[in-house]
Structures are given as C-alpha cells and as structure tokens.
Protein backbone atom coordinates (compact mmCIF):
# COMPACT_ATOMS: atom_id res chain seq x y z
CA MET A 1 19.84 0.86 -24.22
CA SER A 2 21.40 -2.54 -23.44
CA PRO A 3 19.08 -5.29 -22.10
CA ARG A 4 20.96 -5.22 -18.79
CA ARG A 5 20.41 -1.50 -18.32
CA GLN A 6 16.82 -1.77 -19.45
CA HIS A 7 16.09 -4.45 -16.85
CA LEU A 8 17.93 -2.44 -14.24
CA ARG A 9 15.80 0.61 -14.99
CA ILE A 10 12.60 -1.44 -14.99
CA LEU A 11 13.48 -3.12 -11.72
CA THR A 12 14.53 0.15 -10.09
CA THR A 13 11.30 1.81 -11.21
CA ALA A 14 9.27 -1.11 -9.86
CA ILE A 15 10.99 -0.80 -6.50
CA ALA A 16 10.36 2.93 -6.39
CA LEU A 17 6.69 2.40 -7.20
CA GLY A 18 6.45 -0.35 -4.59
CA LEU A 19 7.94 1.85 -1.91
CA ALA A 20 5.66 4.71 -2.87
CA ALA A 21 2.66 2.42 -2.74
CA MET A 22 3.66 1.12 0.68
CA ALA A 23 4.13 4.63 1.99
CA ALA A 24 0.84 5.76 0.51
CA GLY A 25 -0.91 2.71 1.90
CA GLY A 26 0.43 3.47 5.36
CA VAL A 27 -0.90 7.03 5.24
CA GLN A 28 -4.28 6.14 3.81
CA ALA A 29 -4.83 3.40 6.41
CA SER A 30 -5.40 6.04 9.08
CA ALA A 31 -6.41 9.15 7.12
CA ALA A 32 -2.82 10.44 7.18
CA THR A 33 -2.91 11.57 10.81
CA PRO A 34 0.52 12.70 12.05
CA ALA A 35 0.22 10.44 15.08
CA TYR A 36 -0.43 7.38 12.92
CA GLN A 37 2.40 8.23 10.55
CA GLU A 38 4.85 8.70 13.41
CA GLY A 39 3.80 5.34 14.84
CA TYR A 40 4.20 3.67 11.46
CA ASP A 41 7.54 5.24 10.50
CA LEU A 42 9.21 4.85 13.88
CA GLY A 43 7.51 1.49 14.32
CA LEU A 44 9.25 0.25 11.18
CA GLU A 45 12.58 1.52 12.50
CA ALA A 46 11.93 -0.22 15.81
CA TRP A 47 10.88 -3.44 14.10
CA LYS A 48 14.06 -3.55 11.99
CA TYR A 49 16.22 -2.64 14.98
CA GLY A 50 14.62 -5.29 17.19
CA LEU A 51 14.11 -8.14 14.72
CA PRO A 52 17.52 -9.80 15.33
CA LEU A 53 17.05 -9.72 19.11
CA VAL A 54 13.49 -11.06 18.99
CA LYS A 55 14.33 -13.69 16.36
CA MET A 56 17.28 -14.94 18.37
CA ASP A 57 15.08 -15.23 21.45
CA GLN A 58 12.47 -17.17 19.48
CA THR A 59 15.18 -19.52 18.18
CA PHE A 60 16.53 -19.96 21.72
CA ARG A 61 13.09 -20.85 23.09
CA ILE A 62 12.39 -23.36 20.34
CA GLN A 63 15.78 -25.05 20.41
CA THR A 64 15.98 -25.32 24.22
CA SER A 65 12.39 -26.49 24.71
CA VAL A 66 13.48 -30.15 24.91
CA ASP A 67 15.49 -31.51 27.84
CA VAL A 68 17.74 -33.93 25.95
CA PRO A 69 19.69 -33.34 22.72
CA ASP A 70 17.49 -34.58 19.91
CA GLY A 71 20.05 -34.89 17.10
CA ARG A 72 18.39 -32.04 15.22
CA GLY A 73 20.08 -29.12 16.96
CA ARG A 74 17.66 -28.87 19.86
CA GLY A 75 18.57 -29.55 23.49
CA PRO A 76 18.91 -28.03 26.98
CA VAL A 77 21.23 -25.11 27.66
CA ASN A 78 24.95 -25.78 28.08
CA ARG A 79 24.77 -28.96 26.01
CA PHE A 80 25.81 -29.60 22.44
CA SER A 81 23.05 -30.97 20.25
CA HIS A 82 24.82 -32.40 17.23
CA VAL A 83 22.97 -32.76 13.96
CA ARG A 84 24.23 -36.10 12.78
CA VAL A 85 23.19 -35.80 9.15
CA LEU A 86 23.41 -33.08 6.53
CA ALA A 87 20.42 -30.75 6.44
CA ASN A 88 17.65 -31.70 4.01
CA ALA A 89 14.29 -30.35 2.82
CA SER A 90 12.73 -30.88 6.27
CA ALA A 91 15.19 -28.45 7.93
CA HIS A 92 13.19 -25.34 8.90
CA ASP A 93 14.69 -24.31 12.27
CA VAL A 94 16.82 -21.61 10.61
CA VAL A 95 16.63 -19.98 7.20
CA ALA A 96 19.25 -20.80 4.57
CA PRO A 97 20.81 -23.87 6.22
CA ASN A 98 23.88 -25.29 4.54
CA ASN A 99 24.22 -28.78 3.09
CA ASP A 100 27.98 -28.96 3.60
CA THR A 101 28.57 -29.31 7.33
CA PRO A 102 26.60 -31.12 10.02
CA TYR A 103 25.78 -28.56 12.71
CA SER A 104 26.77 -28.65 16.37
CA ILE A 105 24.36 -26.32 18.17
CA ALA A 106 24.37 -25.11 21.74
CA TRP A 107 23.02 -22.25 23.82
CA LEU A 108 25.27 -21.17 26.68
CA ASN A 109 23.79 -19.80 29.89
CA LEU A 110 26.55 -17.84 31.63
CA SER A 111 24.35 -16.30 34.32
CA HIS A 112 25.71 -18.58 37.07
CA GLN A 113 29.28 -19.30 35.99
CA PRO A 114 31.61 -19.49 33.00
CA ILE A 115 31.19 -22.39 30.60
CA VAL A 116 34.21 -24.26 29.25
CA ILE A 117 34.31 -25.41 25.60
CA HIS A 118 36.72 -28.20 24.76
CA VAL A 119 38.22 -27.94 21.26
CA PRO A 120 39.77 -31.23 20.09
CA LYS A 121 42.38 -31.71 17.42
CA VAL A 122 40.57 -31.55 14.08
CA ASN A 123 42.20 -32.30 10.74
CA ARG A 124 39.64 -30.54 8.56
CA TYR A 125 37.73 -27.27 8.37
CA PHE A 126 35.64 -26.53 11.44
CA VAL A 127 34.35 -23.49 13.26
CA ILE A 128 32.68 -22.94 16.63
CA PRO A 129 31.29 -19.41 16.33
CA LEU A 130 29.93 -17.50 19.32
CA TYR A 131 26.94 -15.21 18.67
CA ASP A 132 25.52 -12.65 21.05
CA PRO A 133 21.75 -12.01 21.35
CA TYR A 134 22.00 -9.30 18.67
CA THR A 135 23.38 -11.84 16.10
CA GLU A 136 26.95 -10.49 16.27
CA ASP A 137 29.56 -13.20 15.66
CA PHE A 138 31.92 -11.94 18.39
CA HIS A 139 34.43 -14.81 18.52
CA ASN A 140 35.34 -17.84 16.42
CA LEU A 141 37.18 -20.98 17.45
CA GLY A 142 38.32 -23.18 14.60
CA SER A 143 40.65 -24.00 11.76
CA VAL A 144 40.68 -20.54 10.15
CA GLN A 145 41.72 -18.98 13.46
CA ARG A 146 44.32 -21.74 13.98
CA THR A 147 42.73 -22.52 17.32
CA GLU A 148 44.94 -24.84 19.35
CA PRO A 149 43.32 -27.93 20.84
CA GLY A 150 42.40 -27.19 24.43
CA ASP A 151 39.84 -25.63 26.73
CA TYR A 152 38.25 -22.20 26.34
CA ALA A 153 36.11 -20.63 29.07
CA VAL A 154 33.39 -18.26 27.92
CA VAL A 155 33.12 -15.72 30.71
CA GLY A 156 29.96 -13.65 31.10
CA PRO A 157 29.33 -10.16 32.46
CA GLY A 158 30.47 -9.61 36.05
CA GLN A 159 32.77 -12.65 35.92
CA GLY A 160 35.95 -10.85 34.93
CA ARG A 161 37.70 -11.75 38.20
CA VAL A 162 36.81 -15.43 38.12
CA LYS A 163 40.01 -17.43 38.33
CA LEU A 164 40.40 -20.06 35.65
CA PRO A 165 42.39 -23.30 35.87
CA LYS A 166 45.82 -23.33 34.32
CA ASP A 167 45.82 -23.63 30.52
CA VAL A 168 42.13 -22.69 30.24
CA HIS A 169 41.85 -19.73 27.87
CA ARG A 170 39.46 -16.85 28.60
CA ILE A 171 36.86 -15.55 26.12
CA LYS A 172 34.87 -12.58 27.31
CA SER A 173 31.18 -12.30 26.48
CA ARG A 174 29.23 -9.10 26.92
CA TYR A 175 26.05 -11.12 27.53
CA ASP A 176 25.12 -14.18 29.56
CA ARG A 177 23.43 -15.88 26.60
CA VAL A 178 25.56 -17.13 23.71
CA TRP A 179 24.53 -19.13 20.66
CA ILE A 180 26.87 -21.65 19.05
CA ILE A 181 26.10 -23.01 15.61
CA GLY A 182 29.23 -25.01 14.89
CA ARG A 183 30.14 -26.41 11.50
CA THR A 184 32.38 -29.39 10.71
CA LEU A 185 33.30 -30.14 7.11
CA ASN A 186 31.90 -33.36 5.69
CA TYR A 187 33.10 -35.07 2.52
CA GLY A 188 29.88 -36.94 1.72
CA SER A 189 27.63 -39.63 3.17
CA ALA A 190 30.51 -42.12 3.46
CA ASP A 191 32.37 -39.61 5.65
CA LEU A 192 29.56 -38.98 8.16
CA GLY A 193 31.01 -41.50 10.61
CA ASN A 194 34.27 -39.55 10.76
CA THR A 195 32.43 -36.25 11.16
CA ARG A 196 30.39 -37.65 14.04
CA LYS A 197 33.54 -38.78 15.83
CA ILE A 198 34.83 -35.20 15.67
CA GLN A 199 31.50 -33.84 16.94
CA ASN A 200 31.63 -36.25 19.86
CA ARG A 201 34.91 -34.69 20.97
CA TYR A 202 33.43 -31.19 21.23
CA ARG A 203 32.45 -30.78 24.88
CA ILE A 204 30.77 -28.20 27.10
CA THR A 205 31.42 -28.19 30.86
CA PRO A 206 30.35 -25.77 33.63
CA LEU A 207 33.47 -24.32 35.23
CA SER A 208 32.50 -25.74 38.64
CA ARG A 209 32.56 -29.26 37.15
CA TYR A 210 35.72 -28.78 35.11
CA GLY A 211 38.26 -31.57 35.56
CA THR A 212 35.75 -33.96 37.14
CA GLY A 213 34.94 -35.97 34.02
CA PHE A 214 31.51 -34.31 34.01
CA ARG A 215 28.82 -35.98 31.94
CA PRO A 216 25.23 -34.66 32.24
CA LYS A 217 22.74 -37.17 33.58
CA PRO A 218 19.80 -37.87 31.27
CA PRO A 219 16.35 -37.05 32.69
CA GLY A 220 14.19 -39.93 33.84
CA ASN A 221 11.28 -38.91 31.63
CA PRO A 222 12.80 -37.01 28.70
CA ASP A 223 10.77 -34.40 26.85
CA THR A 224 11.69 -34.51 23.18
CA THR A 225 8.76 -32.53 21.77
CA PRO A 226 9.85 -29.01 20.78
CA GLU A 227 7.51 -26.15 21.53
CA GLY A 228 6.08 -24.01 18.77
CA VAL A 229 7.06 -20.43 19.57
CA PRO A 230 5.55 -17.92 17.11
CA MET A 231 7.06 -14.52 16.47
CA PRO A 232 5.10 -11.89 18.42
CA SER A 233 2.90 -9.65 16.30
CA GLY A 234 1.39 -6.21 16.72
CA LEU A 235 2.25 -4.34 19.90
CA ALA A 236 3.34 -7.61 21.52
CA PHE A 237 6.45 -7.42 19.33
CA PHE A 238 7.49 -4.13 20.93
CA ASP A 239 6.61 -5.38 24.42
CA LYS A 240 8.87 -8.40 23.85
CA LEU A 241 11.57 -6.12 22.49
CA GLY A 242 11.36 -3.96 25.61
CA TYR A 243 11.83 -7.02 27.81
CA LEU A 244 14.81 -8.24 25.78
CA LEU A 245 16.47 -4.82 25.68
CA ARG A 246 16.36 -4.78 29.48
CA ARG A 247 17.50 -8.42 29.67
CA PHE A 248 20.37 -7.81 27.23
CA PRO A 249 21.37 -4.12 27.50
CA PRO A 250 22.23 -2.71 24.07
CA PRO A 251 25.72 -1.38 23.34
CA ALA A 252 26.44 2.31 23.92
CA ALA A 253 26.62 2.87 20.16
CA ASP A 254 22.86 2.25 19.99
CA SER A 255 21.96 5.16 22.26
CA ALA A 256 21.02 7.54 19.42
CA LYS A 257 18.70 4.97 17.86
CA LEU A 258 17.08 4.17 21.20
CA GLN A 259 16.53 7.86 21.89
CA GLU A 260 14.70 8.09 18.57
CA LEU A 261 12.55 5.00 19.29
CA ALA A 262 11.65 6.27 22.76
CA GLN A 263 9.30 8.74 21.05
CA ILE A 264 6.87 5.85 20.53
CA GLY A 265 7.52 4.17 23.86
CA VAL A 266 10.02 1.58 22.63
CA GLY A 267 13.05 0.87 24.80
CA PRO A 268 14.48 -1.24 27.63
CA GLY A 269 11.70 -2.35 29.96
CA LYS A 270 9.00 -0.44 28.05
CA ARG A 271 5.59 -1.87 27.10
CA PRO A 272 3.90 0.21 24.40
CA SER A 273 0.74 -1.90 24.63
CA THR A 274 0.00 -0.47 28.09
CA ASP A 275 1.55 2.98 27.56
CA SER A 276 -1.30 5.48 28.12
CA ALA A 277 0.84 8.29 26.71
CA LEU A 278 0.57 6.78 23.22
CA SER A 279 -2.54 7.63 21.21
CA ALA A 280 -4.68 4.99 19.55
CA GLU A 281 -3.53 6.31 16.16
CA THR A 282 0.15 5.93 17.11
CA LYS A 283 -0.43 2.41 18.33
CA GLN A 284 -2.28 1.50 15.14
CA GLY A 285 0.64 2.79 13.10
CA MET A 286 2.99 0.61 15.13
CA ILE A 287 0.75 -2.43 14.65
CA ASP A 288 0.70 -1.85 10.90
CA ALA A 289 4.49 -1.39 10.86
CA VAL A 290 5.03 -4.87 12.33
CA ALA A 291 2.71 -6.35 9.69
CA ALA A 292 4.51 -4.47 6.91
CA GLY A 293 8.02 -5.22 8.17
CA PRO A 294 8.76 -8.44 6.23
CA GLY A 295 7.63 -6.83 2.97
CA VAL A 296 9.72 -3.75 3.65
CA LEU A 297 12.75 -5.95 4.26
CA GLN A 298 12.14 -7.87 1.05
CA THR A 299 12.06 -4.56 -0.81
CA ALA A 300 15.31 -3.60 0.93
CA VAL A 301 16.89 -6.85 -0.25
CA THR A 302 15.83 -6.02 -3.80
CA VAL A 303 17.17 -2.47 -3.56
CA ARG A 304 20.52 -3.75 -2.32
CA TYR A 305 20.52 -6.34 -5.03
CA VAL A 306 19.88 -3.83 -7.79
CA THR A 307 22.55 -1.44 -6.57
CA GLU A 308 25.24 -3.97 -5.62
CA ALA A 309 24.78 -7.03 -7.85
CA PRO A 310 25.97 -5.37 -11.09
CA LYS A 311 29.41 -5.10 -9.45
CA HIS A 312 29.55 -8.89 -9.10
CA ASN A 313 28.14 -10.40 -12.31
CA GLY A 314 24.61 -10.25 -10.93
CA TRP A 315 25.35 -11.62 -7.44
CA LEU A 316 24.89 -9.82 -4.14
CA VAL A 317 28.16 -10.06 -2.22
CA LEU A 318 28.23 -8.40 1.21
CA PRO A 319 30.10 -9.01 4.47
CA THR A 320 28.18 -10.68 7.29
CA GLY A 321 28.64 -11.55 10.94
CA ARG A 322 29.35 -8.09 12.36
CA TYR A 323 27.06 -5.15 11.73
CA GLY A 324 27.81 -2.31 14.14
CA THR A 325 25.05 0.29 13.79
CA ASP A 326 23.85 -0.82 10.35
CA TYR A 327 20.54 -1.99 11.78
CA ASP A 328 18.80 -2.35 8.43
CA TYR A 329 21.47 -4.69 7.11
CA ARG A 330 21.54 -6.65 10.35
CA ALA A 331 17.78 -7.18 10.04
CA LEU A 332 18.15 -8.17 6.41
CA VAL A 333 20.71 -10.88 7.24
CA THR A 334 18.51 -12.08 10.11
CA GLN A 335 15.68 -12.55 7.64
CA VAL A 336 17.67 -14.39 4.96
CA GLY A 337 20.57 -16.09 6.79
CA LEU A 338 20.47 -16.14 10.59
CA GLY A 339 23.82 -17.24 12.02
CA ALA A 340 25.98 -16.03 9.12
CA LEU A 341 29.74 -16.09 9.71
CA THR A 342 32.32 -13.33 9.29
CA PRO A 343 34.11 -13.02 5.90
CA SER A 344 37.33 -14.65 7.12
CA GLU A 345 35.27 -17.79 7.72
CA ALA A 346 32.81 -17.59 4.84
CA ILE A 347 31.50 -15.30 2.11
CA TYR A 348 27.97 -15.88 0.80
CA PRO A 349 27.27 -14.54 -2.73
CA VAL A 350 23.50 -14.58 -3.34
CA GLY A 351 21.95 -14.87 -6.79
CA GLN A 352 18.30 -13.91 -7.30
CA THR A 353 18.35 -13.02 -11.01
CA ASP A 354 20.02 -14.12 -14.20
CA LYS A 355 22.69 -11.93 -15.81
CA THR A 356 20.01 -9.70 -17.39
CA LEU A 357 18.44 -9.09 -13.94
CA VAL A 358 15.36 -11.20 -14.63
CA PRO A 359 14.34 -13.04 -11.42
CA LEU A 360 15.20 -16.74 -11.27
CA ASN A 361 12.30 -19.12 -11.82
CA GLY A 362 12.03 -22.87 -12.21
CA SER A 363 10.14 -22.44 -15.48
CA LYS A 364 13.53 -21.68 -17.09
CA ASP A 365 16.82 -23.56 -17.34
CA TYR A 366 20.10 -21.89 -16.32
CA VAL A 367 23.83 -22.49 -16.59
CA VAL A 368 26.50 -21.25 -14.18
CA HIS A 369 29.76 -21.41 -16.16
CA PHE A 370 33.16 -21.22 -14.43
CA GLU A 371 35.99 -20.40 -16.80
CA PRO A 372 39.20 -22.49 -16.54
CA GLY A 373 41.12 -21.53 -13.41
CA GLN A 374 38.22 -19.46 -12.07
CA LEU A 375 36.71 -21.77 -9.48
CA PRO A 376 36.10 -20.04 -6.13
CA PRO A 377 39.37 -19.06 -4.40
CA VAL A 378 39.09 -20.93 -1.10
CA ASP A 379 41.42 -22.71 1.27
CA ALA A 380 38.65 -24.94 2.64
CA PHE A 381 35.71 -25.63 0.30
CA TRP A 382 32.95 -24.09 -1.80
CA SER A 383 29.40 -24.98 -2.74
CA LEU A 384 26.35 -23.69 -4.61
CA THR A 385 23.01 -24.16 -2.81
CA LEU A 386 19.47 -23.66 -4.09
CA TYR A 387 16.65 -22.32 -1.86
CA ASP A 388 13.00 -21.58 -2.43
CA SER A 389 11.74 -18.02 -2.03
CA SER A 390 11.43 -18.54 1.75
CA GLY A 391 15.04 -19.67 2.18
CA TYR A 392 14.53 -23.44 2.51
CA PHE A 393 15.68 -26.42 0.47
CA VAL A 394 13.52 -27.58 -2.43
CA PRO A 395 12.44 -31.25 -2.35
CA ASN A 396 13.66 -33.04 -5.46
CA PRO A 397 13.91 -36.63 -6.75
CA ILE A 398 17.66 -36.97 -6.17
CA ASP A 399 17.76 -35.20 -2.75
CA ARG A 400 20.42 -32.81 -4.02
CA TYR A 401 20.32 -29.38 -2.42
CA ALA A 402 23.85 -28.20 -3.10
CA ILE A 403 26.73 -28.95 -5.43
CA GLY A 404 30.39 -28.08 -5.07
CA ASP A 405 34.01 -29.11 -4.87
CA ARG A 406 33.23 -32.36 -3.01
CA SER A 407 30.67 -33.42 -5.64
CA ASP A 408 31.55 -35.81 -8.44
CA LEU A 409 31.58 -33.01 -11.00
CA ASN A 410 32.23 -33.39 -14.70
CA LEU A 411 34.72 -30.79 -15.98
CA ASN A 412 34.84 -29.73 -19.61
CA PRO A 413 37.96 -30.69 -21.63
CA ASP A 414 39.41 -27.19 -21.16
CA GLY A 415 39.01 -27.36 -17.38
CA SER A 416 35.94 -25.15 -17.23
CA LEU A 417 32.83 -26.16 -15.30
CA ASP A 418 29.12 -25.89 -16.15
CA ILE A 419 26.49 -26.29 -13.44
CA TYR A 420 22.97 -26.87 -14.76
CA VAL A 421 20.20 -25.32 -12.67
CA GLN A 422 16.83 -26.57 -13.88
CA SER A 423 13.72 -28.42 -12.75
CA THR A 424 14.20 -31.48 -14.97
CA GLU A 425 17.26 -33.71 -15.23
CA PRO A 426 19.52 -32.66 -18.12
CA SER A 427 20.17 -35.19 -20.88
CA GLY A 428 23.27 -37.33 -20.61
CA PRO A 429 25.10 -38.69 -17.55
CA ALA A 430 27.86 -36.05 -17.75
CA LYS A 431 25.42 -33.16 -17.41
CA ALA A 432 23.38 -35.04 -14.81
CA LYS A 433 26.45 -35.05 -12.54
CA ASN A 434 26.40 -31.25 -12.59
CA TRP A 435 22.65 -30.84 -12.08
CA LEU A 436 21.25 -28.68 -9.27
CA PRO A 437 17.45 -29.21 -9.25
CA SER A 438 15.18 -26.16 -9.15
CA PRO A 439 11.45 -26.02 -8.26
CA THR A 440 9.02 -26.49 -11.11
CA GLY A 441 7.60 -23.12 -12.15
CA ALA A 442 8.47 -21.37 -8.88
CA ALA A 443 10.84 -18.60 -7.81
CA PHE A 444 14.13 -19.56 -6.19
CA ARG A 445 17.51 -18.16 -5.26
CA LEU A 446 21.08 -19.43 -5.22
CA THR A 447 23.68 -19.01 -2.50
CA MET A 448 27.34 -19.71 -3.11
CA ARG A 449 29.43 -20.48 -0.05
CA LEU A 450 33.13 -19.74 0.01
CA TYR A 451 34.47 -21.30 3.22
CA GLU A 452 37.83 -19.94 4.31
CA PRO A 453 38.23 -17.71 1.26
CA THR A 454 41.89 -17.13 0.43
CA ARG A 455 42.81 -14.31 2.80
CA ALA A 456 44.50 -12.07 0.23
CA GLN A 457 41.44 -12.31 -2.03
CA ILE A 458 38.78 -11.34 0.53
CA PRO A 459 38.86 -7.54 -0.05
CA GLY A 460 38.59 -7.95 -3.83
CA ILE A 461 35.76 -10.49 -3.55
CA LEU A 462 33.78 -8.11 -1.34
CA ASP A 463 34.32 -4.89 -3.32
CA GLY A 464 34.11 -6.38 -6.81
CA SER A 465 37.70 -5.63 -7.81
CA GLY A 466 38.82 -9.28 -7.56
CA TRP A 467 37.26 -12.68 -8.17
CA ASP A 468 33.54 -12.67 -8.94
CA PRO A 469 31.04 -15.51 -9.17
CA PRO A 470 30.17 -16.32 -12.79
CA ALA A 471 26.95 -14.90 -14.22
CA ILE A 472 23.79 -17.01 -14.08
CA THR A 473 22.74 -17.45 -17.71
CA ALA A 474 19.26 -18.45 -18.87
CA VAL A 475 19.25 -21.14 -21.55
CA PRO A 476 17.48 -19.82 -24.69
C-alpha cells in the first residue's frame, strides 16, 4: 500500500472511531433514553442549521456596538467603517481574515427605507458583497461584475414600490439587515494611501437624504468601546435561534428542515427553554448537542478533507458564498471563513496536511513548489495565507501573514517558485524572500486565495479536472 493510501486509511479510520465515540458518548451521558437521544440528534441538526444565523447576529451586535466608525470595521448601522491597514495578528473579529485587501465593513438597516451605496470609479480589483443574515452572498458590486460607477439602492422587503431617483439602480434584498464586507486590492504598505482614497469614495446614504450632500453628524460623546457579545450556549442558543428565525423568516426551501426541528421545539418564535412539552431528558440532549457542535463540525471538516483533498493535490477546494439547503456545509464555512465570496470573485483552497495527508505542524518545514507556468490562474491576484488552528494569523518576527503575487518573490532560474513554510527563517536572502512563517511546534493550516479566477478555469479548479494547487511537501 502506498504511503498516501495508508495515511488516508488511517485518517479515515480515526474519523470513524471519533464519530463512533461521540455518538456513544452522547448515548451514555443520559443512559441512552430515547428522549435524550432525540434531543441530542435533532439538537445537533438545529445547531448546524442555526449557527450561521446566530453567528451573523453576534457579529452584527459586536460590530455595531460603537457609535462612530473606529477604523477596525466597527461602527453604527448604515455607515462604512473602513479598516485602514491590512489585517494583522490582532484581528479576531472574523475567522480567516485576509492580508491582501483592507476591509470596508457596513451593516445596512433597511427597515425604514432603502439605502443607497455609491460605487466610485476604481482602477483595481474591488468588491462590495451583500450578505443576508443566513450568510448568503446574494449580490456583488465590483470589478468582476463590471459594475459601472454610480448609485445602487438596496431595497428591503415591502419596499418594492418605492420610487427611486433617475439613474439609481435597484438591488432587492429579501431581508432588512445586510452585511457588507468590502475588499479593495492593495499593493503593499506604500500603496495604502491610494487604497484609502478609494475607500473614502465609497458612500452610504439613506434614500430620504439622497442628493442632499448628506454627511452623518458625529455624536457629542462618542462611544468607541465595543461590547463583548458571547455566543449563546445551551438552550439559550435555540431560544436565540427562534427569535432570529421570526425576525428573519427562512426561505421556503427550508420548510422540510424546520418541520423536522419542530419535534424538539425549535422554530420561528419558539423558546425551548420554557417549552413544558419537552422532557428534561430531551432538553439535556439539546444542551449537550450545543456543547458538542464545534467538535462535530471539526470532524465534518476532516471528513470533507479526506474525501475531497486527494482530488486537488491534498487541498480542499469547494465553492463558497451560496449554499442553498446544504446546511452542514454552510455551517462549516461559517466556522472557518465567515463572509466567504462566491467562486467568480474568489476560490479558497485550504491545506491542512502535507501531500501524504499528515497534518501540518510547525515542528516541520514544508515547501510549496509551483512548476513553471503553473502559478494560480487569476485575473486579479493570488496569495497564500497561514492561520493557526483557530483560523487567526500567527505572530511572527517579520509580521508576514501571507505571501503572493505582490510580494518580492524570488523565482528559480526555470521560472518555478518555491515557498518555504517553516517556523525559522530559511538560510540565504533568496529563500528568506519566499518565507511564510509557521508557529513553533503547533498545528496550522494554509489558505490560498484566487481572486477573480480566470472565468474559463473556474469549473476545472472546483472539480479537480483543471488547475490544482501544488502539493505541500514536508522537507526530510
């Protein structure tokens, strides 16, 4: 048996044993009563279904808990809060931030009126994506879409007959809360001034103030301290989910899933914590399901990795941004990359193991080797970013969190490229240019970003029949 197949079998067996142990643990925790098991099993389904909605609400409450834009992506509703620098190791507001584009973040409140977004003329890659409360990227403004400079009104539910000024384009939103996490390409620290000038030209205006030169007045006593908003645990998670499902009615396609979850009192407006029809055993199963959820998702990530990564040289390559009724996958992306774009904007290959399927660890050195002519096929840019096991940047002595086509890379004489992923600086200035620092002795993962992948290549990148990221090779 080849080493690759041997590791695959070992890893698959380990996953199977882990799942069996989790299932057995769930049953044993309450003497295997049917009521407990129903609460646990359906509770897990409800937790995965509801995680994106609850996580988005938590993010909304944290980011809008200040009343002036703070330059770190937090600010009041209907205002852009531009992040003026590239994300670094202190960035923990969202998992898997990029180190390529300063963010322009806003939360739109459409409950009173449409909100107008002004898109300026931009001579580089940019995207202003619109996300609904379920994490669906339902509309993108930007360079990939060839968005013309101008004004775009985001129109909420019940506002279909609102008349818009001439030349203002209409974008329909199913919900009255929309998240924007805009990206503007940056070419390095010397280019930040240019990027900020572009950010300054993005504008948000309530429709009633459109054409008046509206500029929000700053508060007299600004509150710049963000609130800590923990994720609800236990039955409080399902109570919060019930509130949010009523606040943001789910699409009709979710009706079958909601009918299933109603068996344990989960649904729009429902509060399982006070539901007298649920037994104590059922409620305990639900409580345990919320506690087990993150581990179950991590196992799901590993299962997907084992089944899909061999098609892509050991990388997990899956479409993001729109999920339909694939609730498990939607939850998975929420956990590892909230705010991911659709494939026409970006594809995110994820590497968690070397080419023999051994998990990546900073105790080893690795090389990512691109053959001549095999750099990522993109029309905008590409990068390779390193994260710790929780999805955040790793502090390092050179403050380098990503490396890519805008880096001062050293190519080999034949045009190939070697990127050195290791915890200590490689010997020689040429290799040091291509160094991506890893954590000393700790697990990590890599994410490659392909922004505006060449359109004709997208299907092959996703299904493994076209370009693939190069294998991650451990140095002997």
